[in-house]
Amino acid sequence: MTKLPAALMREVKAEFKAQRESYISGYIEAHLSDVFSISDFYPVILTTLQQAILDGYTIADYNRQPFYNAGEPAIRIVLNRKQDEIEADRTALTTEAEAQLMASLMAQAEEYYTQAVAEEERRQHAEAAAQAAAAAEAQTFACRLRVALVDTAR
């Protein structure tokens, strides 16, 4: 990780503030669910459903197969999640989304900075090479001029 200049860090933080709300809301919308489903065989699903109801969950929807095929889940029940679980997940997802957004912005800034530094180094090397070539040309020109003057003086 490169040490970024303070001005670039301020730009990253400003961009983070600008994108934070929309990024977090999209991330939470994509990852947070207020329902969950259970599906299993009949005896197992009934005990699981009983435990879920005793734990305070409410049924949102259910689907059952019209014909029971051995080895396949017989029923699928969708349960509403508790509000405190949703809020805990929302907090965790918000923290995770902020970390991902900052990491993404920092990676972009580091890439931009390394490209800018490399371009500046290339420009300086090209300028130094051009100066060296001009100095060498000036020396050879001076030598040719002396030779030409000596020849004309004779």
C-alpha atoms as a PDB file:
ATOM      1  CA  MET A   1       0.000   0.000   0.000  1.00  0.00           C
ATOM      2  CA  THR A   2       1.424   3.329  -1.061  1.00  0.00           C
ATOM      3  CA  LYS A   3       1.443   6.424   1.072  1.00  0.00           C
ATOM      4  CA  LEU A   4      -0.963   8.775  -0.646  1.00  0.00           C
ATOM      5  CA  PRO A   5      -0.604  12.558  -0.503  1.00  0.00           C
ATOM      6  CA  ALA A   6      -2.917  14.432   1.868  1.00  0.00           C
ATOM      7  CA  ALA A   7      -4.755  16.155  -1.000  1.00  0.00           C
ATOM      8  CA  LEU A   8      -5.564  12.804  -2.607  1.00  0.00           C
ATOM      9  CA  MET A   9      -6.732  11.417   0.751  1.00  0.00           C
ATOM     10  CA  ARG A  10      -9.083  14.410   1.118  1.00  0.00           C
ATOM     11  CA  GLU A  11     -10.464  13.648  -2.346  1.00  0.00           C
ATOM     12  CA  VAL A  12     -10.992   9.989  -1.393  1.00  0.00           C
ATOM     13  CA  LYS A  13     -12.808  11.004   1.800  1.00  0.00           C
ATOM     14  CA  ALA A  14     -14.981  13.494  -0.082  1.00  0.00           C
ATOM     15  CA  GLU A  15     -15.868  10.844  -2.659  1.00  0.00           C
ATOM     16  CA  PHE A  16     -16.608   8.381   0.164  1.00  0.00           C
ATOM     17  CA  LYS A  17     -19.031  10.863   1.728  1.00  0.00           C
ATOM     18  CA  ALA A  18     -20.679  11.482  -1.636  1.00  0.00           C
ATOM     19  CA  GLN A  19     -21.158   7.799  -2.467  1.00  0.00           C
ATOM     20  CA  ARG A  20     -21.745   6.424   1.040  1.00  0.00           C
ATOM     21  CA  GLU A  21     -25.533   6.629   1.315  1.00  0.00           C
ATOM     22  CA  SER A  22     -26.352   5.248  -2.115  1.00  0.00           C
ATOM     23  CA  TYR A  23     -23.711   2.509  -1.910  1.00  0.00           C
ATOM     24  CA  ILE A  24     -24.816   1.371   1.544  1.00  0.00           C
ATOM     25  CA  SER A  25     -28.518   1.392   0.680  1.00  0.00           C
ATOM     26  CA  GLY A  26     -27.871  -0.658  -2.463  1.00  0.00           C
ATOM     27  CA  TYR A  27     -25.632  -3.066  -0.591  1.00  0.00           C
ATOM     28  CA  ILE A  28     -28.135  -3.564   2.213  1.00  0.00           C
ATOM     29  CA  GLU A  29     -30.998  -3.982  -0.239  1.00  0.00           C
ATOM     30  CA  ALA A  30     -29.040  -6.676  -2.053  1.00  0.00           C
ATOM     31  CA  HIS A  31     -27.926  -8.568   1.066  1.00  0.00           C
ATOM     32  CA  LEU A  32     -30.564  -8.041   3.779  1.00  0.00           C
ATOM     33  CA  SER A  33     -33.675 -10.146   3.889  1.00  0.00           C
ATOM     34  CA  ASP A  34     -36.548  -9.802   6.318  1.00  0.00           C
ATOM     35  CA  VAL A  35     -37.685 -13.402   5.766  1.00  0.00           C
ATOM     36  CA  PHE A  36     -36.044 -16.797   5.765  1.00  0.00           C
ATOM     37  CA  SER A  37     -37.321 -20.161   4.669  1.00  0.00           C
ATOM     38  CA  ILE A  38     -37.120 -23.666   6.002  1.00  0.00           C
ATOM     39  CA  SER A  39     -37.884 -26.822   4.060  1.00  0.00           C
ATOM     40  CA  ASP A  40     -37.442 -30.395   5.089  1.00  0.00           C
ATOM     41  CA  PHE A  41     -39.233 -33.706   5.464  1.00  0.00           C
ATOM     42  CA  TYR A  42     -42.531 -33.811   7.341  1.00  0.00           C
ATOM     43  CA  PRO A  43     -41.533 -34.851  10.840  1.00  0.00           C
ATOM     44  CA  VAL A  44     -38.419 -32.674  10.830  1.00  0.00           C
ATOM     45  CA  ILE A  45     -40.142 -29.606   9.366  1.00  0.00           C
ATOM     46  CA  LEU A  46     -42.924 -29.762  11.915  1.00  0.00           C
ATOM     47  CA  THR A  47     -40.529 -29.791  14.868  1.00  0.00           C
ATOM     48  CA  THR A  48     -38.452 -27.034  13.256  1.00  0.00           C
ATOM     49  CA  LEU A  49     -41.601 -24.974  12.648  1.00  0.00           C
ATOM     50  CA  GLN A  50     -42.768 -25.526  16.215  1.00  0.00           C
ATOM     51  CA  GLN A  51     -39.412 -24.341  17.574  1.00  0.00           C
ATOM     52  CA  ALA A  52     -39.442 -21.292  15.273  1.00  0.00           C
ATOM     53  CA  ILE A  53     -42.937 -20.312  16.423  1.00  0.00           C
ATOM     54  CA  LEU A  54     -41.907 -20.765  20.064  1.00  0.00           C
ATOM     55  CA  ASP A  55     -38.878 -18.537  19.369  1.00  0.00           C
ATOM     56  CA  GLY A  56     -41.189 -15.750  18.208  1.00  0.00           C
ATOM     57  CA  TYR A  57     -41.069 -16.018  14.426  1.00  0.00           C
ATOM     58  CA  THR A  58     -44.267 -15.574  12.405  1.00  0.00           C
ATOM     59  CA  ILE A  59     -45.214 -17.364   9.202  1.00  0.00           C
ATOM     60  CA  ALA A  60     -45.133 -15.221   6.055  1.00  0.00           C
ATOM     61  CA  ASP A  61     -45.873 -17.894   3.452  1.00  0.00           C
ATOM     62  CA  TYR A  62     -45.790 -21.607   2.915  1.00  0.00           C
ATOM     63  CA  ASN A  63     -45.821 -24.046   0.009  1.00  0.00           C
ATOM     64  CA  ARG A  64     -46.399 -27.736   0.219  1.00  0.00           C
ATOM     65  CA  GLN A  65     -46.251 -30.436  -2.365  1.00  0.00           C
ATOM     66  CA  PRO A  66     -49.642 -31.831  -3.383  1.00  0.00           C
ATOM     67  CA  PHE A  67     -48.131 -35.322  -3.529  1.00  0.00           C
ATOM     68  CA  TYR A  68     -45.505 -36.426  -1.086  1.00  0.00           C
ATOM     69  CA  ASN A  69     -42.516 -38.015  -2.811  1.00  0.00           C
ATOM     70  CA  ALA A  70     -40.236 -39.931  -0.503  1.00  0.00           C
ATOM     71  CA  GLY A  71     -36.854 -38.259  -0.174  1.00  0.00           C
ATOM     72  CA  GLU A  72     -38.031 -34.785  -1.198  1.00  0.00           C
ATOM     73  CA  PRO A  73     -38.903 -31.900   1.115  1.00  0.00           C
ATOM     74  CA  ALA A  74     -42.631 -31.915   1.629  1.00  0.00           C
ATOM     75  CA  ILE A  75     -43.140 -28.333   2.702  1.00  0.00           C
ATOM     76  CA  ARG A  76     -41.415 -24.963   2.446  1.00  0.00           C
ATOM     77  CA  ILE A  77     -42.253 -22.361   5.050  1.00  0.00           C
ATOM     78  CA  VAL A  78     -41.216 -18.707   4.845  1.00  0.00           C
ATOM     79  CA  LEU A  79     -40.862 -17.018   8.223  1.00  0.00           C
ATOM     80  CA  ASN A  80     -40.565 -13.335   9.068  1.00  0.00           C
ATOM     81  CA  ARG A  81     -37.328 -12.491  10.838  1.00  0.00           C
ATOM     82  CA  LYS A  82     -37.318 -10.695  14.169  1.00  0.00           C
ATOM     83  CA  GLN A  83     -36.727  -6.940  14.061  1.00  0.00           C
ATOM     84  CA  ASP A  84     -33.701  -7.086  16.359  1.00  0.00           C
ATOM     85  CA  GLU A  85     -32.064  -9.667  14.064  1.00  0.00           C
ATOM     86  CA  ILE A  86     -32.751  -7.458  11.055  1.00  0.00           C
ATOM     87  CA  GLU A  87     -31.252  -4.417  12.806  1.00  0.00           C
ATOM     88  CA  ALA A  88     -28.177  -6.397  13.884  1.00  0.00           C
ATOM     89  CA  ASP A  89     -27.678  -7.586  10.299  1.00  0.00           C
ATOM     90  CA  ARG A  90     -28.251  -4.046   9.006  1.00  0.00           C
ATOM     91  CA  THR A  91     -25.524  -2.730  11.321  1.00  0.00           C
ATOM     92  CA  ALA A  92     -23.101  -5.451  10.272  1.00  0.00           C
ATOM     93  CA  LEU A  93     -23.897  -4.941   6.591  1.00  0.00           C
ATOM     94  CA  THR A  94     -23.459  -1.165   6.933  1.00  0.00           C
ATOM     95  CA  THR A  95     -20.002  -1.641   8.435  1.00  0.00           C
ATOM     96  CA  GLU A  96     -19.108  -4.157   5.741  1.00  0.00           C
ATOM     97  CA  ALA A  97     -20.382  -1.880   2.953  1.00  0.00           C
ATOM     98  CA  GLU A  98     -18.434   1.118   4.297  1.00  0.00           C
ATOM     99  CA  ALA A  99     -15.261  -0.966   4.454  1.00  0.00           C
ATOM    100  CA  GLN A 100     -15.767  -2.233   0.892  1.00  0.00           C
ATOM    101  CA  LEU A 101     -16.481   1.249  -0.458  1.00  0.00           C
ATOM    102  CA  MET A 102     -13.420   2.755   1.245  1.00  0.00           C
ATOM    103  CA  ALA A 103     -11.221  -0.126   0.069  1.00  0.00           C
ATOM    104  CA  SER A 104     -12.496   0.329  -3.479  1.00  0.00           C
ATOM    105  CA  LEU A 105     -11.908   4.080  -3.443  1.00  0.00           C
ATOM    106  CA  MET A 106      -8.450   3.661  -1.903  1.00  0.00           C
ATOM    107  CA  ALA A 107      -7.520   1.076  -4.541  1.00  0.00           C
ATOM    108  CA  GLN A 108      -8.636   3.433  -7.303  1.00  0.00           C
ATOM    109  CA  ALA A 109      -6.705   6.322  -5.741  1.00  0.00           C
ATOM    110  CA  GLU A 110      -3.569   4.210  -5.307  1.00  0.00           C
ATOM    111  CA  GLU A 111      -3.786   3.033  -8.908  1.00  0.00           C
ATOM    112  CA  TYR A 112      -4.232   6.613 -10.118  1.00  0.00           C
ATOM    113  CA  TYR A 113      -1.357   7.833  -7.935  1.00  0.00           C
ATOM    114  CA  THR A 114       1.053   5.099  -9.069  1.00  0.00           C
ATOM    115  CA  GLN A 115       0.161   5.815 -12.699  1.00  0.00           C
ATOM    116  CA  ALA A 116       0.746   9.541 -12.164  1.00  0.00           C
ATOM    117  CA  VAL A 117       4.083   8.906 -10.425  1.00  0.00           C
ATOM    118  CA  ALA A 118       5.190   6.505 -13.181  1.00  0.00           C
ATOM    119  CA  GLU A 119       4.171   9.013 -15.869  1.00  0.00           C
ATOM    120  CA  GLU A 120       6.095  11.782 -14.112  1.00  0.00           C
ATOM    121  CA  GLU A 121       9.180   9.545 -13.848  1.00  0.00           C
ATOM    122  CA  ARG A 122       8.907   8.671 -17.551  1.00  0.00           C
ATOM    123  CA  ARG A 123       8.592  12.369 -18.393  1.00  0.00           C
ATOM    124  CA  GLN A 124      11.645  13.228 -16.265  1.00  0.00           C
ATOM    125  CA  HIS A 125      13.704  10.411 -17.837  1.00  0.00           C
ATOM    126  CA  ALA A 126      12.692  11.571 -21.314  1.00  0.00           C
ATOM    127  CA  GLU A 127      13.588  15.167 -20.437  1.00  0.00           C
ATOM    128  CA  ALA A 128      16.962  14.100 -19.003  1.00  0.00           C
ATOM    129  CA  ALA A 129      17.664  11.995 -22.094  1.00  0.00           C
ATOM    130  CA  ALA A 130      16.737  14.916 -24.349  1.00  0.00           C
ATOM    131  CA  GLN A 131      19.051  17.240 -22.399  1.00  0.00           C
ATOM    132  CA  ALA A 132      21.893  14.725 -22.580  1.00  0.00           C
ATOM    133  CA  ALA A 133      21.347  14.317 -26.325  1.00  0.00           C
ATOM    134  CA  ALA A 134      21.285  18.103 -26.783  1.00  0.00           C
ATOM    135  CA  ALA A 135      24.521  18.472 -24.787  1.00  0.00           C
ATOM    136  CA  ALA A 136      26.216  15.745 -26.825  1.00  0.00           C
ATOM    137  CA  GLU A 137      24.982  17.356 -30.046  1.00  0.00           C
ATOM    138  CA  ALA A 138      26.261  20.755 -28.868  1.00  0.00           C
ATOM    139  CA  GLN A 139      29.712  19.289 -28.199  1.00  0.00           C
ATOM    140  CA  THR A 140      29.901  17.565 -31.561  1.00  0.00           C
ATOM    141  CA  PHE A 141      28.597  20.703 -33.261  1.00  0.00           C
ATOM    142  CA  ALA A 142      31.264  22.789 -31.512  1.00  0.00           C
ATOM    143  CA  CYS A 143      33.943  20.322 -32.644  1.00  0.00           C
ATOM    144  CA  ARG A 144      32.662  20.359 -36.246  1.00  0.00           C
ATOM    145  CA  LEU A 145      32.499  24.145 -36.179  1.00  0.00           C
ATOM    146  CA  ARG A 146      36.135  24.379 -34.970  1.00  0.00           C
ATOM    147  CA  VAL A 147      37.261  21.988 -37.656  1.00  0.00           C
ATOM    148  CA  ALA A 148      35.346  23.944 -40.286  1.00  0.00           C
ATOM    149  CA  LEU A 149      36.825  27.241 -39.088  1.00  0.00           C
ATOM    150  CA  VAL A 150      40.334  25.815 -39.049  1.00  0.00           C
ATOM    151  CA  ASP A 151      39.871  24.508 -42.590  1.00  0.00           C
ATOM    152  CA  THR A 152      38.574  27.833 -43.854  1.00  0.00           C
ATOM    153  CA  ALA A 153      41.406  29.708 -42.116  1.00  0.00           C
ATOM    154  CA  ARG A 154      44.037  27.744 -44.040  1.00  0.00           C
END
